Amino acid sequence: MEKKKRIVFYDNLNGPHEAQVRENAALTPEQCWAAFQRMKRLHEFLFKRPEKRAERILIEKPSWK
C-alpha cells in the first residue's frame, strides 16, 4: 500500500535533498532494484534508444570538385 503524498514546506534549500536521502536509505535492496527498473523504463520511454550507426568511415571526394 502506497503512502498518500503530502505537501511539505522546508526551511532551507537543503531540506528536499536530506529528505530524499533519508527515504532512499530506508529502502531494501529489492525496492532499490524495482525503483531503478522503473526509472530506466521511464527514461527509455522519454528519450528512446539511440539508433546504431555504421562503424565505418567513408571518405569521398567533395561535391564541389
N, C-alpha and C. Protein backbone atom coordinates (compact mmCIF):
# COMPACT_ATOMS: atom_id res chain seq x y z
N MET A 1 0.84 -1.17 0.00
CA MET A 1 0.00 0.00 0.00
C MET A 1 0.89 1.24 0.00
N GLU A 2 0.62 2.15 -0.92
CA GLU A 2 1.44 3.35 -1.02
C GLU A 2 0.94 4.43 -0.08
N LYS A 3 1.90 5.23 0.38
CA LYS A 3 1.54 6.35 1.25
C LYS A 3 0.92 7.45 0.41
N LYS A 4 0.02 8.20 1.02
CA LYS A 4 -0.54 9.36 0.35
C LYS A 4 0.52 10.43 0.29
N LYS A 5 0.60 11.11 -0.85
CA LYS A 5 1.55 12.20 -0.98
C LYS A 5 1.02 13.40 -0.22
N ARG A 6 1.95 14.14 0.38
CA ARG A 6 1.54 15.32 1.11
C ARG A 6 2.49 16.46 0.79
N ILE A 7 2.03 17.66 0.96
CA ILE A 7 2.84 18.83 0.69
C ILE A 7 3.72 19.11 1.89
N VAL A 8 5.01 19.29 1.64
CA VAL A 8 5.97 19.55 2.72
C VAL A 8 6.63 20.89 2.46
N PHE A 9 6.70 21.72 3.47
CA PHE A 9 7.38 23.01 3.38
C PHE A 9 8.71 22.89 4.11
N TYR A 10 9.79 23.26 3.44
CA TYR A 10 11.13 23.17 4.01
C TYR A 10 11.62 24.55 4.38
N ASP A 11 12.46 24.60 5.42
CA ASP A 11 13.02 25.88 5.88
C ASP A 11 14.18 26.36 5.01
N ASN A 12 14.92 25.41 4.41
CA ASN A 12 16.05 25.81 3.57
C ASN A 12 16.09 24.93 2.32
N LEU A 13 16.99 25.23 1.40
CA LEU A 13 17.06 24.50 0.13
C LEU A 13 17.66 23.11 0.28
N ASN A 14 18.30 22.82 1.39
CA ASN A 14 18.90 21.52 1.61
C ASN A 14 17.87 20.50 2.11
N GLY A 15 16.72 20.96 2.53
CA GLY A 15 15.69 20.09 3.10
C GLY A 15 15.22 18.98 2.16
N PRO A 16 14.87 19.28 0.90
CA PRO A 16 14.41 18.22 0.00
C PRO A 16 15.48 17.15 -0.25
N HIS A 17 16.74 17.58 -0.35
CA HIS A 17 17.83 16.62 -0.57
C HIS A 17 17.96 15.68 0.63
N GLU A 18 17.96 16.23 1.83
CA GLU A 18 18.08 15.41 3.04
C GLU A 18 16.91 14.46 3.16
N ALA A 19 15.70 14.92 2.84
CA ALA A 19 14.52 14.06 2.92
C ALA A 19 14.63 12.89 1.95
N GLN A 20 15.13 13.16 0.74
CA GLN A 20 15.26 12.09 -0.24
C GLN A 20 16.35 11.09 0.17
N VAL A 21 17.43 11.58 0.75
CA VAL A 21 18.50 10.68 1.21
C VAL A 21 17.95 9.77 2.31
N ARG A 22 17.21 10.34 3.25
CA ARG A 22 16.62 9.52 4.33
C ARG A 22 15.65 8.49 3.76
N GLU A 23 14.83 8.90 2.79
CA GLU A 23 13.85 8.00 2.19
C GLU A 23 14.54 6.85 1.46
N ASN A 24 15.59 7.15 0.71
CA ASN A 24 16.30 6.11 -0.04
C ASN A 24 17.09 5.19 0.88
N ALA A 25 17.56 5.67 2.01
CA ALA A 25 18.31 4.84 2.94
C ALA A 25 17.41 3.79 3.58
N ALA A 26 16.12 4.05 3.63
CA ALA A 26 15.18 3.12 4.25
C ALA A 26 14.74 2.00 3.30
N LEU A 27 15.11 2.09 2.02
CA LEU A 27 14.68 1.08 1.05
C LEU A 27 15.50 -0.21 1.17
N THR A 28 14.85 -1.31 0.90
CA THR A 28 15.54 -2.60 0.85
C THR A 28 16.19 -2.74 -0.52
N PRO A 29 17.13 -3.68 -0.68
CA PRO A 29 17.75 -3.87 -2.00
C PRO A 29 16.73 -4.19 -3.09
N GLU A 30 15.70 -4.96 -2.77
CA GLU A 30 14.66 -5.29 -3.76
C GLU A 30 13.90 -4.05 -4.18
N GLN A 31 13.60 -3.18 -3.23
CA GLN A 31 12.89 -1.94 -3.55
C GLN A 31 13.77 -1.01 -4.38
N CYS A 32 15.08 -0.98 -4.07
CA CYS A 32 16.01 -0.16 -4.86
C CYS A 32 16.06 -0.66 -6.30
N TRP A 33 16.11 -1.98 -6.48
CA TRP A 33 16.17 -2.54 -7.82
C TRP A 33 14.88 -2.23 -8.59
N ALA A 34 13.74 -2.34 -7.93
CA ALA A 34 12.46 -2.04 -8.57
C ALA A 34 12.40 -0.56 -8.97
N ALA A 35 12.89 0.31 -8.11
CA ALA A 35 12.88 1.74 -8.41
C ALA A 35 13.81 2.02 -9.59
N PHE A 36 14.97 1.37 -9.63
CA PHE A 36 15.91 1.54 -10.73
C PHE A 36 15.28 1.10 -12.05
N GLN A 37 14.61 -0.06 -12.05
CA GLN A 37 13.98 -0.56 -13.27
C GLN A 37 12.86 0.38 -13.73
N ARG A 38 12.11 0.92 -12.78
CA ARG A 38 11.02 1.85 -13.11
C ARG A 38 11.59 3.12 -13.75
N MET A 39 12.69 3.66 -13.19
CA MET A 39 13.30 4.87 -13.75
C MET A 39 13.93 4.58 -15.11
N LYS A 40 14.49 3.40 -15.28
CA LYS A 40 15.10 3.02 -16.56
C LYS A 40 14.03 2.95 -17.66
N ARG A 41 12.86 2.32 -17.34
CA ARG A 41 11.77 2.25 -18.32
C ARG A 41 11.26 3.64 -18.67
N LEU A 42 11.13 4.50 -17.68
CA LEU A 42 10.67 5.87 -17.92
C LEU A 42 11.66 6.62 -18.81
N HIS A 43 12.95 6.48 -18.53
CA HIS A 43 13.97 7.15 -19.33
C HIS A 43 13.92 6.67 -20.78
N GLU A 44 13.80 5.35 -20.99
CA GLU A 44 13.73 4.81 -22.34
C GLU A 44 12.47 5.27 -23.06
N PHE A 45 11.37 5.41 -22.33
CA PHE A 45 10.13 5.89 -22.92
C PHE A 45 10.27 7.35 -23.35
N LEU A 46 10.89 8.17 -22.51
CA LEU A 46 11.00 9.60 -22.81
C LEU A 46 12.04 9.90 -23.88
N PHE A 47 13.17 9.21 -23.87
CA PHE A 47 14.27 9.58 -24.75
C PHE A 47 14.55 8.58 -25.86
N LYS A 48 13.88 7.44 -25.88
CA LYS A 48 14.08 6.41 -26.90
C LYS A 48 15.53 5.95 -26.94
N ARG A 49 15.75 4.77 -27.43
CA ARG A 49 17.12 4.26 -27.55
C ARG A 49 17.75 4.83 -28.82
N PRO A 50 19.02 5.19 -28.75
CA PRO A 50 19.66 5.72 -29.96
C PRO A 50 19.85 4.62 -31.01
N GLU A 51 19.73 5.01 -32.26
CA GLU A 51 19.91 4.05 -33.34
C GLU A 51 21.39 3.72 -33.48
N LYS A 52 21.68 2.47 -33.83
CA LYS A 52 23.07 2.10 -34.03
C LYS A 52 23.54 2.65 -35.37
N ARG A 53 24.74 3.19 -35.37
CA ARG A 53 25.31 3.74 -36.59
C ARG A 53 26.34 2.77 -37.16
N ALA A 54 26.58 2.90 -38.44
CA ALA A 54 27.60 2.07 -39.08
C ALA A 54 28.96 2.41 -38.46
N GLU A 55 29.78 1.41 -38.29
CA GLU A 55 31.06 1.62 -37.64
C GLU A 55 32.19 1.78 -38.65
N ARG A 56 31.90 2.28 -39.84
CA ARG A 56 32.97 2.51 -40.80
C ARG A 56 32.97 3.96 -41.23
N ILE A 57 34.12 4.39 -41.66
CA ILE A 57 34.29 5.78 -42.10
C ILE A 57 34.37 5.80 -43.60
N LEU A 58 33.54 6.62 -44.23
CA LEU A 58 33.56 6.75 -45.69
C LEU A 58 34.26 8.05 -46.06
N ILE A 59 35.26 7.94 -46.92
CA ILE A 59 35.97 9.11 -47.40
C ILE A 59 35.65 9.26 -48.88
N GLU A 60 35.03 10.38 -49.21
CA GLU A 60 34.60 10.62 -50.59
C GLU A 60 35.15 11.96 -51.06
N LYS A 61 35.18 12.14 -52.37
CA LYS A 61 35.57 13.43 -52.92
C LYS A 61 34.47 14.44 -52.61
N PRO A 62 34.84 15.67 -52.31
CA PRO A 62 33.82 16.68 -52.05
C PRO A 62 33.03 16.98 -53.31
N SER A 63 31.79 17.40 -53.16
CA SER A 63 30.91 17.63 -54.30
C SER A 63 31.31 18.84 -55.13
N TRP A 64 32.09 19.78 -54.56
CA TRP A 64 32.43 20.99 -55.31
C TRP A 64 33.67 20.81 -56.20
N LYS A 65 34.32 19.63 -56.15
CA LYS A 65 35.49 19.41 -57.01
C LYS A 65 35.12 18.58 -58.20
